[in-house]
Amino acid sequence: MIDVYNPYSLVNALNHKRLRSYWASSGATSLLPKFVNDMELHLDYFDHCSVLRGILETSDVTGGGPELFLYQSGYITIKDSDEFGYILGIPNEEVRQALNEMVLPALTMRRQGDILSLQANLYRQLGTGMLDDAKKTLRSLIADVPYSNKKLASMDMEERYRLIISTILNAIGIRVEVERMLATGRIDLVAWLSRYIYVIELKLSNNGGIAAAEQQITTCGYTEPFKGDTRKVVGLAVELDSEGKGLIDWKVVEEQ
């Protein structure tokens, strides 16, 4: 397999003997915030987007769309090519986290300084299984779903919540699968940490809430595919306000 690596990050990792976000700290550009409002908030789009050869090779960075800017600033790279053009994608998890960190304040319409401490707390709480504290922190992060955000206005309420929560988790360095397909159904979110795997089902308060989410996790056996993993698997039935006022409650679904 031939892939792209970053020698700056590699040299720093070998020198410090630890993995850190060396690329994000060195490769950040002051221009990026100016493009955030024009970027698609579904960042997974940038994992497999097509660009014509002529546009990628000749266009000016300020005149193109977000794909061109992200490519020329190193946030996405060439993954493949064919006679039709180039296939671009996010190179690694470090860059994915950096992009989500940049998008999150615009998505929640809050200043970055207002959410940094909450993000750090949530990462620690989910990573150590402190679910009561994690619920309070996540409730603070999504106190309401902004209607004035044009990107969110075109989505139904549950989709808005799913986008915001997945962006929050990605921004703090948690690997997230959105709408994981199983033979028995579709899991809203799966969050992978070093000690835990969280299987998360979201339900609005006017669509059954916690009871409906818990029943779906249990009936469809959503936690079963992950039980061969050495990490602890936790099912979370989450109830969200149908009017966009944020997280109401969640419940750990006990194994049958």
Foldseek 3Di string as FASTA:
>chain_A
DDADDDVQQVVVCVVVVHHDLRCLVPLDDPCVLVQLLQDQLPQVCQAWDFDAACCLPDPDLVPDHPNNVCDVSVQKHFPDADPRGTTIRGRDLSSQLSSLLSNLCVQQVHDSVVCPVLLVVLVVCVQVVVVVVNLVSQCVSQQFGDCPSPSCVVDAPVVSVLSNVVSSLSNSRWDKDAQCDDPLGTFGIWTDDPAEIEGEHEDEPVGCAQNVQLCSCQVSVVQVVPVVDPHYYWYKGWYAYNVGRGTDDIDTRDHD
